[in-house]
């Protein structure tokens, strides 16, 4: 059995009530979302922690699209002295989830040892060349790695990226725990990581409003690794996944799903 007990940070909660009419009140449990924490406190906690960036694009498909994104990624890595890595690919959602891509056509997943290195690399390239392909969504997060793929190269693997904004009264802790629990029920899930957004986590405590807006309002990202498209399809139609989706959907305000095969 996979031990996932250390993957979920504490979710503080407070009770509240809502007037549903005729002097009738409904009790609610409001969980404090990690992505709503003080930016200064969060920055101090995660200043030296590894960080990942999800960049999504709305681009016209062409022969040079992937090469352009590869070039952007390589320039960023050179600026960071080779200390960051990246994966990228075009949207390959299952036909039943094409409508959930929100128009995103390409994804770049950047892995950095800390937020400082990531920002230095990105800013250096923007200032030096001004040719970085502009993403439609940028989502930084400090990953909680639940399951690391064993013996599986990242290149060629299918990444299933899910972005979520939960309802204000959603039981976030239970929803995250339920998603994590799928890794113990569905063998095809070879890797799994998640985290709340960290776009506004600056060391000086000042939020970067422009970067926060680039999250498009999403608060959490969940990334599952599959060895193949067939394994992804098996996961989507697994009964455990269907049951979880039934639990999840009433508790979310917005979501996006974009799959890509890493090249």
C-alpha atoms as a PDB file:
ATOM      1  CA  UNK A   1       0.000   0.000   0.000  1.00  0.00           C
ATOM      2  CA  UNK A   2       1.360   3.404  -0.973  1.00  0.00           C
ATOM      3  CA  UNK A   3       1.829   5.669   2.062  1.00  0.00           C
ATOM      4  CA  UNK A   4       0.383   9.076   1.191  1.00  0.00           C
ATOM      5  CA  UNK A   5       0.010  10.366   4.747  1.00  0.00           C
ATOM      6  CA  UNK A   6       2.821  12.881   4.345  1.00  0.00           C
ATOM      7  CA  UNK A   7       1.564  14.333   1.089  1.00  0.00           C
ATOM      8  CA  UNK A   8      -1.189  16.522   2.488  1.00  0.00           C
ATOM      9  CA  UNK A   9      -0.330  19.638   4.522  1.00  0.00           C
ATOM     10  CA  UNK A  10      -2.742  20.646   7.302  1.00  0.00           C
ATOM     11  CA  UNK A  11      -5.855  22.488   6.180  1.00  0.00           C
ATOM     12  CA  UNK A  12      -7.046  24.802   8.961  1.00  0.00           C
ATOM     13  CA  UNK A  13     -10.815  25.188   9.096  1.00  0.00           C
ATOM     14  CA  UNK A  14     -13.473  27.362  10.705  1.00  0.00           C
ATOM     15  CA  UNK A  15     -17.201  26.841  11.087  1.00  0.00           C
ATOM     16  CA  UNK A  16     -19.770  29.150   9.588  1.00  0.00           C
ATOM     17  CA  UNK A  17     -23.474  29.295   8.863  1.00  0.00           C
ATOM     18  CA  UNK A  18     -25.533  30.434   5.901  1.00  0.00           C
ATOM     19  CA  UNK A  19     -29.133  31.627   5.997  1.00  0.00           C
ATOM     20  CA  UNK A  20     -31.063  29.471   3.546  1.00  0.00           C
ATOM     21  CA  UNK A  21     -34.386  31.200   4.214  1.00  0.00           C
ATOM     22  CA  UNK A  22     -37.311  31.069   6.646  1.00  0.00           C
ATOM     23  CA  UNK A  23     -34.911  31.492   9.590  1.00  0.00           C
ATOM     24  CA  UNK A  24     -33.276  28.210   8.620  1.00  0.00           C
ATOM     25  CA  UNK A  25     -29.498  28.068   8.799  1.00  0.00           C
ATOM     26  CA  UNK A  26     -27.134  25.578   7.236  1.00  0.00           C
ATOM     27  CA  UNK A  27     -23.795  24.884   8.901  1.00  0.00           C
ATOM     28  CA  UNK A  28     -20.706  25.130   6.730  1.00  0.00           C
ATOM     29  CA  UNK A  29     -17.090  24.182   7.289  1.00  0.00           C
ATOM     30  CA  UNK A  30     -14.721  26.620   5.617  1.00  0.00           C
ATOM     31  CA  UNK A  31     -11.214  25.318   5.056  1.00  0.00           C
ATOM     32  CA  UNK A  32      -8.365  27.793   4.814  1.00  0.00           C
ATOM     33  CA  UNK A  33      -6.829  27.210   1.403  1.00  0.00           C
ATOM     34  CA  UNK A  34      -3.017  27.078   1.299  1.00  0.00           C
ATOM     35  CA  UNK A  35      -3.040  29.341  -1.752  1.00  0.00           C
ATOM     36  CA  UNK A  36      -4.791  32.020   0.332  1.00  0.00           C
ATOM     37  CA  UNK A  37      -2.003  32.151   2.922  1.00  0.00           C
ATOM     38  CA  UNK A  38       0.047  35.261   3.650  1.00  0.00           C
ATOM     39  CA  UNK A  39       2.428  35.728   0.733  1.00  0.00           C
ATOM     40  CA  UNK A  40       5.242  36.719   3.067  1.00  0.00           C
ATOM     41  CA  UNK A  41       4.843  33.634   5.268  1.00  0.00           C
ATOM     42  CA  UNK A  42       4.569  31.357   2.261  1.00  0.00           C
ATOM     43  CA  UNK A  43       7.635  32.907   0.643  1.00  0.00           C
ATOM     44  CA  UNK A  44       9.720  32.320   3.749  1.00  0.00           C
ATOM     45  CA  UNK A  45       8.537  28.716   3.974  1.00  0.00           C
ATOM     46  CA  UNK A  46       9.173  27.875   0.327  1.00  0.00           C
ATOM     47  CA  UNK A  47      12.049  30.190  -0.556  1.00  0.00           C
ATOM     48  CA  UNK A  48      14.472  27.302  -1.083  1.00  0.00           C
ATOM     49  CA  UNK A  49      11.953  24.630  -2.110  1.00  0.00           C
ATOM     50  CA  UNK A  50      11.769  23.168  -5.596  1.00  0.00           C
ATOM     51  CA  UNK A  51       9.167  24.760  -7.828  1.00  0.00           C
ATOM     52  CA  UNK A  52       7.427  23.828 -11.042  1.00  0.00           C
ATOM     53  CA  UNK A  53       5.824  26.097 -13.611  1.00  0.00           C
ATOM     54  CA  UNK A  54       2.956  25.061 -15.870  1.00  0.00           C
ATOM     55  CA  UNK A  55       2.746  27.259 -18.957  1.00  0.00           C
ATOM     56  CA  UNK A  56      -0.161  26.770 -21.341  1.00  0.00           C
ATOM     57  CA  UNK A  57      -0.488  28.300 -24.777  1.00  0.00           C
ATOM     58  CA  UNK A  58      -3.175  28.989 -27.356  1.00  0.00           C
ATOM     59  CA  UNK A  59      -1.246  28.678 -30.605  1.00  0.00           C
ATOM     60  CA  UNK A  60      -2.004  27.877 -34.192  1.00  0.00           C
ATOM     61  CA  UNK A  61      -0.691  24.421 -35.016  1.00  0.00           C
ATOM     62  CA  UNK A  62       2.253  24.525 -37.392  1.00  0.00           C
ATOM     63  CA  UNK A  63       5.435  22.728 -38.249  1.00  0.00           C
ATOM     64  CA  UNK A  64       7.543  25.131 -36.171  1.00  0.00           C
ATOM     65  CA  UNK A  65       5.307  25.410 -33.089  1.00  0.00           C
ATOM     66  CA  UNK A  66       7.026  22.731 -31.002  1.00  0.00           C
ATOM     67  CA  UNK A  67      10.472  23.848 -32.179  1.00  0.00           C
ATOM     68  CA  UNK A  68       9.701  27.420 -31.113  1.00  0.00           C
ATOM     69  CA  UNK A  69       8.646  26.276 -27.648  1.00  0.00           C
ATOM     70  CA  UNK A  70      11.720  24.048 -27.407  1.00  0.00           C
ATOM     71  CA  UNK A  71      13.907  27.002 -28.282  1.00  0.00           C
ATOM     72  CA  UNK A  72      12.247  29.128 -25.594  1.00  0.00           C
ATOM     73  CA  UNK A  73      12.825  26.389 -23.022  1.00  0.00           C
ATOM     74  CA  UNK A  74      16.466  25.908 -23.970  1.00  0.00           C
ATOM     75  CA  UNK A  75      17.161  29.626 -23.707  1.00  0.00           C
ATOM     76  CA  UNK A  76      15.628  29.700 -20.239  1.00  0.00           C
ATOM     77  CA  UNK A  77      17.754  26.723 -19.157  1.00  0.00           C
ATOM     78  CA  UNK A  78      20.919  28.385 -20.413  1.00  0.00           C
ATOM     79  CA  UNK A  79      20.084  31.514 -18.415  1.00  0.00           C
ATOM     80  CA  UNK A  80      19.784  29.380 -15.277  1.00  0.00           C
ATOM     81  CA  UNK A  81      23.056  27.586 -15.941  1.00  0.00           C
ATOM     82  CA  UNK A  82      21.299  24.362 -16.855  1.00  0.00           C
ATOM     83  CA  UNK A  83      19.725  24.001 -13.398  1.00  0.00           C
ATOM     84  CA  UNK A  84      16.155  23.918 -14.718  1.00  0.00           C
ATOM     85  CA  UNK A  85      14.584  21.349 -17.023  1.00  0.00           C
ATOM     86  CA  UNK A  86      11.465  21.375 -19.128  1.00  0.00           C
ATOM     87  CA  UNK A  87       8.988  19.098 -20.874  1.00  0.00           C
ATOM     88  CA  UNK A  88       6.542  20.200 -23.515  1.00  0.00           C
ATOM     89  CA  UNK A  89       3.967  18.897 -25.936  1.00  0.00           C
ATOM     90  CA  UNK A  90       0.713  19.597 -27.726  1.00  0.00           C
ATOM     91  CA  UNK A  91      -2.750  18.955 -26.305  1.00  0.00           C
ATOM     92  CA  UNK A  92      -3.765  15.300 -26.642  1.00  0.00           C
ATOM     93  CA  UNK A  93      -6.917  15.110 -24.559  1.00  0.00           C
ATOM     94  CA  UNK A  94      -9.212  12.129 -24.819  1.00  0.00           C
ATOM     95  CA  UNK A  95     -12.172  12.979 -27.053  1.00  0.00           C
ATOM     96  CA  UNK A  96     -14.448  13.008 -24.007  1.00  0.00           C
ATOM     97  CA  UNK A  97     -12.327  15.775 -22.448  1.00  0.00           C
ATOM     98  CA  UNK A  98     -11.494  17.960 -25.444  1.00  0.00           C
ATOM     99  CA  UNK A  99     -14.085  20.473 -24.258  1.00  0.00           C
ATOM    100  CA  UNK A 100     -12.208  20.875 -20.969  1.00  0.00           C
ATOM    101  CA  UNK A 101      -8.967  22.212 -22.489  1.00  0.00           C
ATOM    102  CA  UNK A 102     -10.358  25.776 -22.525  1.00  0.00           C
ATOM    103  CA  UNK A 103      -8.684  26.321 -25.870  1.00  0.00           C
ATOM    104  CA  UNK A 104      -5.162  25.463 -24.716  1.00  0.00           C
ATOM    105  CA  UNK A 105      -3.105  23.833 -27.469  1.00  0.00           C
ATOM    106  CA  UNK A 106       0.357  23.375 -25.927  1.00  0.00           C
ATOM    107  CA  UNK A 107       1.909  22.878 -22.499  1.00  0.00           C
ATOM    108  CA  UNK A 108       5.391  23.493 -21.130  1.00  0.00           C
ATOM    109  CA  UNK A 109       6.276  22.076 -17.703  1.00  0.00           C
ATOM    110  CA  UNK A 110       9.369  23.695 -16.167  1.00  0.00           C
ATOM    111  CA  UNK A 111      11.190  22.207 -13.157  1.00  0.00           C
ATOM    112  CA  UNK A 112      13.468  24.460 -11.064  1.00  0.00           C
ATOM    113  CA  UNK A 113      15.418  23.996  -7.791  1.00  0.00           C
ATOM    114  CA  UNK A 114      13.781  27.130  -6.332  1.00  0.00           C
ATOM    115  CA  UNK A 115      11.636  30.115  -7.255  1.00  0.00           C
ATOM    116  CA  UNK A 116      14.625  32.455  -7.477  1.00  0.00           C
ATOM    117  CA  UNK A 117      16.340  30.396 -10.181  1.00  0.00           C
ATOM    118  CA  UNK A 118      13.096  30.061 -12.128  1.00  0.00           C
ATOM    119  CA  UNK A 119      12.344  33.780 -12.120  1.00  0.00           C
ATOM    120  CA  UNK A 120      15.927  34.699 -12.941  1.00  0.00           C
ATOM    121  CA  UNK A 121      15.891  32.426 -15.974  1.00  0.00           C
ATOM    122  CA  UNK A 122      12.556  33.665 -17.267  1.00  0.00           C
ATOM    123  CA  UNK A 123      13.250  37.354 -16.682  1.00  0.00           C
ATOM    124  CA  UNK A 124      16.737  37.162 -18.189  1.00  0.00           C
ATOM    125  CA  UNK A 125      15.389  35.697 -21.396  1.00  0.00           C
ATOM    126  CA  UNK A 126      12.521  38.169 -21.648  1.00  0.00           C
ATOM    127  CA  UNK A 127      14.907  41.073 -21.185  1.00  0.00           C
ATOM    128  CA  UNK A 128      17.589  39.754 -23.503  1.00  0.00           C
ATOM    129  CA  UNK A 129      15.580  38.594 -26.498  1.00  0.00           C
ATOM    130  CA  UNK A 130      11.935  39.580 -25.997  1.00  0.00           C
ATOM    131  CA  UNK A 131      11.043  36.548 -28.123  1.00  0.00           C
ATOM    132  CA  UNK A 132       9.598  34.237 -25.473  1.00  0.00           C
ATOM    133  CA  UNK A 133       6.334  32.853 -26.810  1.00  0.00           C
ATOM    134  CA  UNK A 134       3.656  34.406 -24.610  1.00  0.00           C
ATOM    135  CA  UNK A 135       1.665  31.831 -22.610  1.00  0.00           C
ATOM    136  CA  UNK A 136      -2.054  32.191 -21.950  1.00  0.00           C
ATOM    137  CA  UNK A 137      -1.668  30.665 -18.487  1.00  0.00           C
ATOM    138  CA  UNK A 138       1.203  30.543 -15.993  1.00  0.00           C
ATOM    139  CA  UNK A 139       0.869  28.452 -12.829  1.00  0.00           C
ATOM    140  CA  UNK A 140       3.769  28.101 -10.375  1.00  0.00           C
ATOM    141  CA  UNK A 141       3.540  25.516  -7.596  1.00  0.00           C
ATOM    142  CA  UNK A 142       5.732  23.799  -5.026  1.00  0.00           C
ATOM    143  CA  UNK A 143       4.980  20.140  -5.757  1.00  0.00           C
ATOM    144  CA  UNK A 144       3.777  17.627  -3.210  1.00  0.00           C
ATOM    145  CA  UNK A 145       5.122  14.508  -4.913  1.00  0.00           C
ATOM    146  CA  UNK A 146       2.955  11.544  -3.997  1.00  0.00           C
ATOM    147  CA  UNK A 147       4.225   8.999  -6.495  1.00  0.00           C
ATOM    148  CA  UNK A 148       7.405   9.149  -8.584  1.00  0.00           C
ATOM    149  CA  UNK A 149       7.454   7.117 -11.815  1.00  0.00           C
ATOM    150  CA  UNK A 150       9.910   4.226 -11.528  1.00  0.00           C
ATOM    151  CA  UNK A 151      12.023   3.326 -14.521  1.00  0.00           C
ATOM    152  CA  UNK A 152      10.004   5.642 -16.765  1.00  0.00           C
ATOM    153  CA  UNK A 153      11.646   8.403 -18.752  1.00  0.00           C
ATOM    154  CA  UNK A 154       9.651  11.623 -18.672  1.00  0.00           C
ATOM    155  CA  UNK A 155      10.089  12.025 -22.427  1.00  0.00           C
ATOM    156  CA  UNK A 156       7.366   9.998 -24.132  1.00  0.00           C
ATOM    157  CA  UNK A 157       5.190   9.833 -21.025  1.00  0.00           C
ATOM    158  CA  UNK A 158       1.696  11.292 -21.050  1.00  0.00           C
ATOM    159  CA  UNK A 159       1.090  14.077 -18.546  1.00  0.00           C
ATOM    160  CA  UNK A 160      -2.518  14.620 -17.443  1.00  0.00           C
ATOM    161  CA  UNK A 161      -2.721  18.188 -16.106  1.00  0.00           C
ATOM    162  CA  UNK A 162      -5.815  19.232 -14.158  1.00  0.00           C
ATOM    163  CA  UNK A 163      -6.293  22.810 -12.914  1.00  0.00           C
ATOM    164  CA  UNK A 164      -9.051  23.497 -10.381  1.00  0.00           C
ATOM    165  CA  UNK A 165     -10.720  26.346  -8.554  1.00  0.00           C
ATOM    166  CA  UNK A 166     -12.749  24.961  -5.651  1.00  0.00           C
ATOM    167  CA  UNK A 167     -15.989  26.417  -4.308  1.00  0.00           C
ATOM    168  CA  UNK A 168     -15.439  28.566  -1.226  1.00  0.00           C
ATOM    169  CA  UNK A 169     -17.121  25.979   1.024  1.00  0.00           C
ATOM    170  CA  UNK A 170     -15.563  22.923  -0.629  1.00  0.00           C
ATOM    171  CA  UNK A 171     -13.951  20.300   1.663  1.00  0.00           C
ATOM    172  CA  UNK A 172     -10.563  20.853   0.042  1.00  0.00           C
ATOM    173  CA  UNK A 173      -8.678  18.477   2.319  1.00  0.00           C
ATOM    174  CA  UNK A 174     -11.042  15.595   1.577  1.00  0.00           C
ATOM    175  CA  UNK A 175     -11.023  16.348  -2.139  1.00  0.00           C
ATOM    176  CA  UNK A 176      -7.230  16.349  -2.304  1.00  0.00           C
ATOM    177  CA  UNK A 177      -7.068  13.180  -0.210  1.00  0.00           C
ATOM    178  CA  UNK A 178      -9.571  11.509  -2.518  1.00  0.00           C
ATOM    179  CA  UNK A 179      -7.516  12.386  -5.582  1.00  0.00           C
ATOM    180  CA  UNK A 180      -4.363  11.047  -3.940  1.00  0.00           C
ATOM    181  CA  UNK A 181      -6.161   7.847  -2.948  1.00  0.00           C
ATOM    182  CA  UNK A 182      -6.740   7.068  -6.620  1.00  0.00           C
ATOM    183  CA  UNK A 183      -3.017   6.247  -6.872  1.00  0.00           C
ATOM    184  CA  UNK A 184      -3.658   3.253  -4.606  1.00  0.00           C
ATOM    185  CA  UNK A 185      -6.572   2.021  -6.722  1.00  0.00           C
ATOM    186  CA  UNK A 186      -5.503   2.600 -10.329  1.00  0.00           C
ATOM    187  CA  UNK A 187      -2.212   0.961 -11.309  1.00  0.00           C
ATOM    188  CA  UNK A 188      -1.930   2.980 -14.507  1.00  0.00           C
ATOM    189  CA  UNK A 189      -1.195   6.125 -12.463  1.00  0.00           C
ATOM    190  CA  UNK A 190       2.606   5.856 -12.580  1.00  0.00           C
ATOM    191  CA  UNK A 191       3.268   9.308 -11.136  1.00  0.00           C
ATOM    192  CA  UNK A 192       1.268  11.914  -9.232  1.00  0.00           C
ATOM    193  CA  UNK A 193       2.000  15.377  -7.842  1.00  0.00           C
ATOM    194  CA  UNK A 194      -0.075  18.375  -6.845  1.00  0.00           C
ATOM    195  CA  UNK A 195       0.068  21.794  -5.228  1.00  0.00           C
ATOM    196  CA  UNK A 196      -1.633  25.180  -4.727  1.00  0.00           C
ATOM    197  CA  UNK A 197      -0.501  28.106  -6.851  1.00  0.00           C
ATOM    198  CA  UNK A 198       2.603  30.042  -5.774  1.00  0.00           C
ATOM    199  CA  UNK A 199       2.639  32.824  -8.367  1.00  0.00           C
ATOM    200  CA  UNK A 200       2.384  35.534  -5.706  1.00  0.00           C
ATOM    201  CA  UNK A 201       4.929  34.079  -3.272  1.00  0.00           C
ATOM    202  CA  UNK A 202       7.638  36.754  -3.244  1.00  0.00           C
ATOM    203  CA  UNK A 203      10.257  36.822  -0.491  1.00  0.00           C
ATOM    204  CA  UNK A 204       9.486  40.459   0.356  1.00  0.00           C
ATOM    205  CA  UNK A 205       5.840  39.558   0.932  1.00  0.00           C
ATOM    206  CA  UNK A 206       4.560  41.619  -1.975  1.00  0.00           C
ATOM    207  CA  UNK A 207       2.253  39.777  -4.313  1.00  0.00           C
ATOM    208  CA  UNK A 208       2.831  39.912  -8.050  1.00  0.00           C
ATOM    209  CA  UNK A 209      -0.676  40.729  -9.230  1.00  0.00           C
ATOM    210  CA  UNK A 210       0.179  40.289 -12.905  1.00  0.00           C
ATOM    211  CA  UNK A 211       1.395  36.744 -12.281  1.00  0.00           C
ATOM    212  CA  UNK A 212      -1.607  35.937 -10.106  1.00  0.00           C
ATOM    213  CA  UNK A 213      -3.896  36.958 -12.964  1.00  0.00           C
ATOM    214  CA  UNK A 214      -2.043  34.564 -15.270  1.00  0.00           C
ATOM    215  CA  UNK A 215      -3.391  31.648 -13.214  1.00  0.00           C
ATOM    216  CA  UNK A 216      -6.781  32.446 -14.815  1.00  0.00           C
ATOM    217  CA  UNK A 217      -8.300  32.069 -11.356  1.00  0.00           C
ATOM    218  CA  UNK A 218      -7.207  28.460 -10.848  1.00  0.00           C
ATOM    219  CA  UNK A 219      -5.972  27.581  -7.368  1.00  0.00           C
ATOM    220  CA  UNK A 220      -4.645  24.017  -7.553  1.00  0.00           C
ATOM    221  CA  UNK A 221      -2.889  21.829 -10.087  1.00  0.00           C
ATOM    222  CA  UNK A 222      -2.788  18.020 -10.171  1.00  0.00           C
ATOM    223  CA  UNK A 223      -0.444  16.229 -12.578  1.00  0.00           C
ATOM    224  CA  UNK A 224      -0.673  12.499 -13.271  1.00  0.00           C
ATOM    225  CA  UNK A 225       1.916  10.600 -15.318  1.00  0.00           C
ATOM    226  CA  UNK A 226       0.896   7.694 -17.543  1.00  0.00           C
ATOM    227  CA  UNK A 227       3.145   5.477 -19.636  1.00  0.00           C
ATOM    228  CA  UNK A 228       0.822   5.638 -22.634  1.00  0.00           C
ATOM    229  CA  UNK A 229      -2.390   7.039 -24.063  1.00  0.00           C
ATOM    230  CA  UNK A 230      -3.995   3.627 -23.505  1.00  0.00           C
ATOM    231  CA  UNK A 231      -3.170   3.792 -19.788  1.00  0.00           C
ATOM    232  CA  UNK A 232      -4.701   7.270 -19.605  1.00  0.00           C
ATOM    233  CA  UNK A 233      -7.863   5.956 -21.212  1.00  0.00           C
ATOM    234  CA  UNK A 234      -8.046   3.059 -18.745  1.00  0.00           C
ATOM    235  CA  UNK A 235      -7.760   5.556 -15.889  1.00  0.00           C
ATOM    236  CA  UNK A 236     -10.513   7.798 -17.222  1.00  0.00           C
ATOM    237  CA  UNK A 237     -13.035   4.962 -17.370  1.00  0.00           C
ATOM    238  CA  UNK A 238     -11.966   3.204 -14.167  1.00  0.00           C
ATOM    239  CA  UNK A 239     -14.848   3.012 -11.694  1.00  0.00           C
ATOM    240  CA  UNK A 240     -12.765   4.539  -8.893  1.00  0.00           C
ATOM    241  CA  UNK A 241     -12.080   7.570 -11.082  1.00  0.00           C
ATOM    242  CA  UNK A 242     -15.741   7.896 -12.043  1.00  0.00           C
ATOM    243  CA  UNK A 243     -16.768   7.771  -8.366  1.00  0.00           C
ATOM    244  CA  UNK A 244     -14.225  10.438  -7.477  1.00  0.00           C
ATOM    245  CA  UNK A 245     -15.392  12.727 -10.283  1.00  0.00           C
ATOM    246  CA  UNK A 246     -18.953  12.446  -8.950  1.00  0.00           C
ATOM    247  CA  UNK A 247     -17.633  13.658  -5.567  1.00  0.00           C
ATOM    248  CA  UNK A 248     -15.412  16.360  -7.075  1.00  0.00           C
ATOM    249  CA  UNK A 249     -17.609  18.115  -9.635  1.00  0.00           C
ATOM    250  CA  UNK A 250     -20.213  19.615  -7.239  1.00  0.00           C
ATOM    251  CA  UNK A 251     -17.359  21.209  -5.280  1.00  0.00           C
ATOM    252  CA  UNK A 252     -15.560  23.058  -8.056  1.00  0.00           C
ATOM    253  CA  UNK A 253     -16.174  26.468  -9.569  1.00  0.00           C
ATOM    254  CA  UNK A 254     -13.922  26.048 -12.588  1.00  0.00           C
ATOM    255  CA  UNK A 255     -11.473  23.538 -14.019  1.00  0.00           C
ATOM    256  CA  UNK A 256      -9.348  22.733 -17.047  1.00  0.00           C
ATOM    257  CA  UNK A 257      -7.811  19.494 -18.306  1.00  0.00           C
ATOM    258  CA  UNK A 258      -4.903  19.399 -20.744  1.00  0.00           C
ATOM    259  CA  UNK A 259      -2.998  16.208 -21.588  1.00  0.00           C
ATOM    260  CA  UNK A 260       0.286  16.167 -23.478  1.00  0.00           C
ATOM    261  CA  UNK A 261       2.917  13.616 -24.458  1.00  0.00           C
ATOM    262  CA  UNK A 262       6.299  14.982 -23.421  1.00  0.00           C
ATOM    263  CA  UNK A 263       8.844  15.545 -26.203  1.00  0.00           C
END
